[in-house]
PDB file of N, CA and C in Angstrom:
ATOM      1  N   UNK A   1     -11.179  14.181 -19.145  1.00  0.00           N
ATOM      2  CA  UNK A   1     -10.607  15.286 -19.896  1.00  0.00           C
ATOM      3  C   UNK A   1     -10.445  14.836 -21.345  1.00  0.00           C
ATOM      4  N   UNK A   2     -11.090  15.497 -22.230  1.00  0.00           N
ATOM      5  CA  UNK A   2     -11.045  15.084 -23.623  1.00  0.00           C
ATOM      6  C   UNK A   2     -10.129  15.973 -24.454  1.00  0.00           C
ATOM      7  N   UNK A   3      -9.671  17.066 -23.885  1.00  0.00           N
ATOM      8  CA  UNK A   3      -8.825  17.956 -24.687  1.00  0.00           C
ATOM      9  C   UNK A   3      -7.353  17.663 -24.458  1.00  0.00           C
ATOM     10  N   UNK A   4      -6.574  17.939 -25.456  1.00  0.00           N
ATOM     11  CA  UNK A   4      -5.130  17.775 -25.359  1.00  0.00           C
ATOM     12  C   UNK A   4      -4.516  19.151 -25.175  1.00  0.00           C
ATOM     13  N   UNK A   5      -3.615  19.259 -24.239  1.00  0.00           N
ATOM     14  CA  UNK A   5      -2.949  20.531 -23.995  1.00  0.00           C
ATOM     15  C   UNK A   5      -1.813  20.695 -24.990  1.00  0.00           C
ATOM     16  N   UNK A   6      -1.606  21.890 -25.470  1.00  0.00           N
ATOM     17  CA  UNK A   6      -0.537  22.147 -26.429  1.00  0.00           C
ATOM     18  C   UNK A   6       0.814  21.929 -25.763  1.00  0.00           C
ATOM     19  N   UNK A   7       1.626  21.125 -26.386  1.00  0.00           N
ATOM     20  CA  UNK A   7       2.939  20.814 -25.831  1.00  0.00           C
ATOM     21  C   UNK A   7       3.795  22.081 -25.791  1.00  0.00           C
ATOM     22  N   UNK A   8       4.457  22.297 -24.665  1.00  0.00           N
ATOM     23  CA  UNK A   8       5.353  23.433 -24.532  1.00  0.00           C
ATOM     24  C   UNK A   8       4.704  24.705 -24.022  1.00  0.00           C
ATOM     25  N   UNK A   9       3.371  24.732 -23.944  1.00  0.00           N
ATOM     26  CA  UNK A   9       2.719  25.924 -23.405  1.00  0.00           C
ATOM     27  C   UNK A   9       2.745  25.871 -21.886  1.00  0.00           C
ATOM     28  N   UNK A  10       2.847  27.018 -21.286  1.00  0.00           N
ATOM     29  CA  UNK A  10       2.862  27.077 -19.824  1.00  0.00           C
ATOM     30  C   UNK A  10       1.448  26.916 -19.286  1.00  0.00           C
ATOM     31  N   UNK A  11       1.346  26.099 -18.257  1.00  0.00           N
ATOM     32  CA  UNK A  11       0.056  25.909 -17.589  1.00  0.00           C
ATOM     33  C   UNK A  11       0.268  26.381 -16.158  1.00  0.00           C
ATOM     34  N   UNK A  12      -0.295  27.539 -15.843  1.00  0.00           N
ATOM     35  CA  UNK A  12      -0.073  28.138 -14.530  1.00  0.00           C
ATOM     36  C   UNK A  12      -1.391  28.610 -13.922  1.00  0.00           C
ATOM     37  N   UNK A  13      -1.312  28.964 -12.672  1.00  0.00           N
ATOM     38  CA  UNK A  13      -2.443  29.574 -11.976  1.00  0.00           C
ATOM     39  C   UNK A  13      -3.693  28.727 -11.947  1.00  0.00           C
ATOM     40  N   UNK A  14      -4.799  29.346 -12.305  1.00  0.00           N
ATOM     41  CA  UNK A  14      -6.101  28.686 -12.233  1.00  0.00           C
ATOM     42  C   UNK A  14      -6.181  27.490 -13.172  1.00  0.00           C
ATOM     43  N   UNK A  15      -5.553  27.594 -14.335  1.00  0.00           N
ATOM     44  CA  UNK A  15      -5.577  26.479 -15.290  1.00  0.00           C
ATOM     45  C   UNK A  15      -4.867  25.253 -14.707  1.00  0.00           C
ATOM     46  N   UNK A  16      -3.743  25.468 -14.033  1.00  0.00           N
ATOM     47  CA  UNK A  16      -2.988  24.364 -13.424  1.00  0.00           C
ATOM     48  C   UNK A  16      -3.795  23.748 -12.276  1.00  0.00           C
ATOM     49  N   UNK A  17      -4.438  24.595 -11.494  1.00  0.00           N
ATOM     50  CA  UNK A  17      -5.269  24.111 -10.386  1.00  0.00           C
ATOM     51  C   UNK A  17      -6.448  23.299 -10.917  1.00  0.00           C
ATOM     52  N   UNK A  18      -7.069  23.775 -11.980  1.00  0.00           N
ATOM     53  CA  UNK A  18      -8.194  23.060 -12.586  1.00  0.00           C
ATOM     54  C   UNK A  18      -7.732  21.711 -13.161  1.00  0.00           C
ATOM     55  N   UNK A  19      -6.571  21.703 -13.797  1.00  0.00           N
ATOM     56  CA  UNK A  19      -6.023  20.461 -14.343  1.00  0.00           C
ATOM     57  C   UNK A  19      -5.756  19.460 -13.217  1.00  0.00           C
ATOM     58  N   UNK A  20      -5.169  19.935 -12.125  1.00  0.00           N
ATOM     59  CA  UNK A  20      -4.897  19.055 -10.979  1.00  0.00           C
ATOM     60  C   UNK A  20      -6.194  18.494 -10.416  1.00  0.00           C
ATOM     61  N   UNK A  21      -7.234  19.315 -10.356  1.00  0.00           N
ATOM     62  CA  UNK A  21      -8.528  18.863  -9.834  1.00  0.00           C
ATOM     63  C   UNK A  21      -9.161  17.809 -10.740  1.00  0.00           C
ATOM     64  N   UNK A  22      -8.893  17.870 -12.038  1.00  0.00           N
ATOM     65  CA  UNK A  22      -9.417  16.876 -12.969  1.00  0.00           C
ATOM     66  C   UNK A  22      -8.615  15.573 -12.920  1.00  0.00           C
ATOM     67  N   UNK A  23      -7.294  15.702 -12.783  1.00  0.00           N
ATOM     68  CA  UNK A  23      -6.432  14.524 -12.842  1.00  0.00           C
ATOM     69  C   UNK A  23      -6.345  13.756 -11.522  1.00  0.00           C
ATOM     70  N   UNK A  24      -6.408  14.455 -10.405  1.00  0.00           N
ATOM     71  CA  UNK A  24      -6.233  13.820  -9.096  1.00  0.00           C
ATOM     72  C   UNK A  24      -7.201  12.667  -8.851  1.00  0.00           C
ATOM     73  N   UNK A  25      -8.508  12.828  -9.053  1.00  0.00           N
ATOM     74  CA  UNK A  25      -9.404  11.698  -8.790  1.00  0.00           C
ATOM     75  C   UNK A  25      -9.191  10.534  -9.756  1.00  0.00           C
ATOM     76  N   UNK A  26      -8.797  10.836 -10.971  1.00  0.00           N
ATOM     77  CA  UNK A  26      -8.541   9.771 -11.945  1.00  0.00           C
ATOM     78  C   UNK A  26      -7.311   8.960 -11.535  1.00  0.00           C
ATOM     79  N   UNK A  27      -6.271   9.666 -11.073  1.00  0.00           N
ATOM     80  CA  UNK A  27      -5.070   8.975 -10.602  1.00  0.00           C
ATOM     81  C   UNK A  27      -5.401   8.157  -9.354  1.00  0.00           C
ATOM     82  N   UNK A  28      -6.169   8.743  -8.446  1.00  0.00           N
ATOM     83  CA  UNK A  28      -6.544   8.055  -7.206  1.00  0.00           C
ATOM     84  C   UNK A  28      -7.386   6.810  -7.489  1.00  0.00           C
ATOM     85  N   UNK A  29      -8.145   6.829  -8.591  1.00  0.00           N
ATOM     86  CA  UNK A  29      -8.980   5.671  -8.915  1.00  0.00           C
ATOM     87  C   UNK A  29      -8.214   4.583  -9.676  1.00  0.00           C
ATOM     88  N   UNK A  30      -6.935   4.825  -9.959  1.00  0.00           N
ATOM     89  CA  UNK A  30      -6.123   3.757 -10.533  1.00  0.00           C
ATOM     90  C   UNK A  30      -5.458   4.041 -11.867  1.00  0.00           C
ATOM     91  N   UNK A  31      -5.798   5.141 -12.521  1.00  0.00           N
ATOM     92  CA  UNK A  31      -5.123   5.440 -13.798  1.00  0.00           C
ATOM     93  C   UNK A  31      -3.662   5.784 -13.526  1.00  0.00           C
ATOM     94  N   UNK A  32      -2.814   5.467 -14.469  1.00  0.00           N
ATOM     95  CA  UNK A  32      -1.391   5.723 -14.282  1.00  0.00           C
ATOM     96  C   UNK A  32      -1.020   7.123 -14.751  1.00  0.00           C
ATOM     97  N   UNK A  33       0.113   7.591 -14.266  1.00  0.00           N
ATOM     98  CA  UNK A  33       0.621   8.889 -14.707  1.00  0.00           C
ATOM     99  C   UNK A  33       0.891   8.843 -16.204  1.00  0.00           C
ATOM    100  N   UNK A  34       1.401   7.727 -16.685  1.00  0.00           N
ATOM    101  CA  UNK A  34       1.688   7.595 -18.122  1.00  0.00           C
ATOM    102  C   UNK A  34       0.418   7.697 -18.957  1.00  0.00           C
ATOM    103  N   UNK A  35      -0.660   7.086 -18.491  1.00  0.00           N
ATOM    104  CA  UNK A  35      -1.943   7.180 -19.212  1.00  0.00           C
ATOM    105  C   UNK A  35      -2.450   8.619 -19.235  1.00  0.00           C
ATOM    106  N   UNK A  36      -2.365   9.290 -18.098  1.00  0.00           N
ATOM    107  CA  UNK A  36      -2.813  10.672 -18.019  1.00  0.00           C
ATOM    108  C   UNK A  36      -1.957  11.573 -18.907  1.00  0.00           C
ATOM    109  N   UNK A  37      -0.666  11.307 -18.939  1.00  0.00           N
ATOM    110  CA  UNK A  37       0.240  12.100 -19.778  1.00  0.00           C
ATOM    111  C   UNK A  37      -0.078  11.901 -21.259  1.00  0.00           C
ATOM    112  N   UNK A  38      -0.323  10.663 -21.649  1.00  0.00           N
ATOM    113  CA  UNK A  38      -0.629  10.381 -23.052  1.00  0.00           C
ATOM    114  C   UNK A  38      -1.931  11.055 -23.472  1.00  0.00           C
ATOM    115  N   UNK A  39      -2.911  11.038 -22.598  1.00  0.00           N
ATOM    116  CA  UNK A  39      -4.205  11.621 -22.937  1.00  0.00           C
ATOM    117  C   UNK A  39      -4.164  13.143 -23.026  1.00  0.00           C
ATOM    118  N   UNK A  40      -3.379  13.771 -22.155  1.00  0.00           N
ATOM    119  CA  UNK A  40      -3.316  15.230 -22.150  1.00  0.00           C
ATOM    120  C   UNK A  40      -2.274  15.776 -23.121  1.00  0.00           C
ATOM    121  N   UNK A  41      -1.381  14.912 -23.608  1.00  0.00           N
ATOM    122  CA  UNK A  41      -0.338  15.376 -24.510  1.00  0.00           C
ATOM    123  C   UNK A  41       0.823  16.042 -23.787  1.00  0.00           C
ATOM    124  N   UNK A  42       0.910  15.837 -22.478  1.00  0.00           N
ATOM    125  CA  UNK A  42       2.001  16.407 -21.691  1.00  0.00           C
ATOM    126  C   UNK A  42       2.956  15.300 -21.281  1.00  0.00           C
ATOM    127  N   UNK A  43       4.073  15.679 -20.704  1.00  0.00           N
ATOM    128  CA  UNK A  43       5.079  14.689 -20.312  1.00  0.00           C
ATOM    129  C   UNK A  43       4.720  14.033 -18.982  1.00  0.00           C
ATOM    130  N   UNK A  44       5.355  12.907 -18.734  1.00  0.00           N
ATOM    131  CA  UNK A  44       5.206  12.200 -17.468  1.00  0.00           C
ATOM    132  C   UNK A  44       5.585  13.133 -16.321  1.00  0.00           C
ATOM    133  N   UNK A  45       6.720  13.825 -16.465  1.00  0.00           N
ATOM    134  CA  UNK A  45       7.210  14.719 -15.414  1.00  0.00           C
ATOM    135  C   UNK A  45       6.254  15.854 -15.107  1.00  0.00           C
ATOM    136  N   UNK A  46       5.620  16.389 -16.134  1.00  0.00           N
ATOM    137  CA  UNK A  46       4.650  17.470 -15.933  1.00  0.00           C
ATOM    138  C   UNK A  46       3.477  16.974 -15.097  1.00  0.00           C
ATOM    139  N   UNK A  47       2.912  15.825 -15.474  1.00  0.00           N
ATOM    140  CA  UNK A  47       1.768  15.274 -14.736  1.00  0.00           C
ATOM    141  C   UNK A  47       2.176  14.932 -13.312  1.00  0.00           C
ATOM    142  N   UNK A  48       3.348  14.344 -13.154  1.00  0.00           N
ATOM    143  CA  UNK A  48       3.870  13.997 -11.827  1.00  0.00           C
ATOM    144  C   UNK A  48       3.938  15.259 -10.957  1.00  0.00           C
ATOM    145  N   UNK A  49       4.505  16.330 -11.497  1.00  0.00           N
ATOM    146  CA  UNK A  49       4.642  17.568 -10.730  1.00  0.00           C
ATOM    147  C   UNK A  49       3.296  18.196 -10.394  1.00  0.00           C
ATOM    148  N   UNK A  50       2.356  18.177 -11.317  1.00  0.00           N
ATOM    149  CA  UNK A  50       1.021  18.734 -11.054  1.00  0.00           C
ATOM    150  C   UNK A  50       0.355  17.962  -9.918  1.00  0.00           C
ATOM    151  N   UNK A  51       0.443  16.632  -9.957  1.00  0.00           N
ATOM    152  CA  UNK A  51      -0.161  15.816  -8.898  1.00  0.00           C
ATOM    153  C   UNK A  51       0.533  16.054  -7.562  1.00  0.00           C
ATOM    154  N   UNK A  52       1.849  16.121  -7.588  1.00  0.00           N
ATOM    155  CA  UNK A  52       2.598  16.325  -6.353  1.00  0.00           C
ATOM    156  C   UNK A  52       2.292  17.692  -5.742  1.00  0.00           C
ATOM    157  N   UNK A  53       2.243  18.728  -6.588  1.00  0.00           N
ATOM    158  CA  UNK A  53       1.913  20.078  -6.107  1.00  0.00           C
ATOM    159  C   UNK A  53       0.511  20.138  -5.508  1.00  0.00           C
ATOM    160  N   UNK A  54      -0.385  19.301  -6.014  1.00  0.00           N
ATOM    161  CA  UNK A  54      -1.764  19.277  -5.519  1.00  0.00           C
ATOM    162  C   UNK A  54      -1.895  18.455  -4.237  1.00  0.00           C
ATOM    163  N   UNK A  55      -0.800  17.835  -3.798  1.00  0.00           N
ATOM    164  CA  UNK A  55      -0.831  17.065  -2.560  1.00  0.00           C
ATOM    165  C   UNK A  55      -1.420  15.671  -2.710  1.00  0.00           C
ATOM    166  N   UNK A  56      -1.453  15.166  -3.935  1.00  0.00           N
ATOM    167  CA  UNK A  56      -1.995  13.834  -4.189  1.00  0.00           C
ATOM    168  C   UNK A  56      -0.972  12.795  -3.722  1.00  0.00           C
ATOM    169  N   UNK A  57      -1.387  11.817  -2.899  1.00  0.00           N
ATOM    170  CA  UNK A  57      -0.449  10.761  -2.499  1.00  0.00           C
ATOM    171  C   UNK A  57      -0.116   9.880  -3.713  1.00  0.00           C
ATOM    172  N   UNK A  58       1.151   9.812  -4.040  1.00  0.00           N
ATOM    173  CA  UNK A  58       1.582   9.061  -5.214  1.00  0.00           C
ATOM    174  C   UNK A  58       1.879   7.613  -4.846  1.00  0.00           C
ATOM    175  N   UNK A  59       1.529   6.719  -5.760  1.00  0.00           N
ATOM    176  CA  UNK A  59       1.766   5.297  -5.539  1.00  0.00           C
ATOM    177  C   UNK A  59       3.235   4.968  -5.781  1.00  0.00           C
ATOM    178  N   UNK A  60       3.659   3.841  -5.223  1.00  0.00           N
ATOM    179  CA  UNK A  60       5.016   3.355  -5.465  1.00  0.00           C
ATOM    180  C   UNK A  60       5.142   2.842  -6.885  1.00  0.00           C
ATOM    181  N   UNK A  61       6.339   2.505  -7.271  1.00  0.00           N
ATOM    182  CA  UNK A  61       6.589   2.089  -8.636  1.00  0.00           C
ATOM    183  C   UNK A  61       6.015   0.718  -8.943  1.00  0.00           C
ATOM    184  N   UNK A  62       5.788  -0.084  -7.936  1.00  0.00           N
ATOM    185  CA  UNK A  62       5.212  -1.407  -8.183  1.00  0.00           C
ATOM    186  C   UNK A  62       6.244  -2.375  -8.703  1.00  0.00           C
ATOM    187  N   UNK A  63       5.764  -3.420  -9.319  1.00  0.00           N
ATOM    188  CA  UNK A  63       6.681  -4.419  -9.839  1.00  0.00           C
ATOM    189  C   UNK A  63       7.146  -5.360  -8.751  1.00  0.00           C
ATOM    190  N   UNK A  64       8.082  -6.187  -9.101  1.00  0.00           N
ATOM    191  CA  UNK A  64       8.604  -7.192  -8.191  1.00  0.00           C
ATOM    192  C   UNK A  64       9.525  -6.546  -7.165  1.00  0.00           C
ATOM    193  N   UNK A  65       9.257  -6.813  -5.891  1.00  0.00           N
ATOM    194  CA  UNK A  65      10.158  -6.349  -4.843  1.00  0.00           C
ATOM    195  C   UNK A  65      11.039  -7.513  -4.429  1.00  0.00           C
ATOM    196  N   UNK A  66      12.275  -7.240  -4.279  1.00  0.00           N
ATOM    197  CA  UNK A  66      13.236  -8.316  -3.943  1.00  0.00           C
ATOM    198  C   UNK A  66      13.342  -8.446  -2.436  1.00  0.00           C
ATOM    199  N   UNK A  67      13.071  -9.637  -1.975  1.00  0.00           N
ATOM    200  CA  UNK A  67      13.216  -9.901  -0.548  1.00  0.00           C
ATOM    201  C   UNK A  67      14.068 -11.132  -0.379  1.00  0.00           C
ATOM    202  N   UNK A  68      14.774 -11.125   0.703  1.00  0.00           N
ATOM    203  CA  UNK A  68      15.625 -12.270   1.025  1.00  0.00           C
ATOM    204  C   UNK A  68      14.735 -13.435   1.448  1.00  0.00           C
ATOM    205  N   UNK A  69      14.945 -14.599   0.857  1.00  0.00           N
ATOM    206  CA  UNK A  69      14.176 -15.787   1.252  1.00  0.00           C
ATOM    207  C   UNK A  69      14.745 -16.377   2.530  1.00  0.00           C
ATOM    208  N   UNK A  70      13.842 -16.814   3.393  1.00  0.00           N
ATOM    209  CA  UNK A  70      14.277 -17.411   4.683  1.00  0.00           C
ATOM    210  C   UNK A  70      14.741 -18.817   4.523  1.00  0.00           C
TER     211      UNK A  70
END
């Protein structure tokens, strides 16, 4: 996706479905929500919601997990 969406404009219906179809495979291939948000000019929360509404399995937060040492 090379275009930036205007911040604050509503993205609904077919446009939202098309956006989800473009972003879902990119997220599934390893791009982060933050990267997708920066490229589209939308917020992290917007991209998160579009992916979630599209039924995309979201990755965990990652980072160091704390486990008790034996």
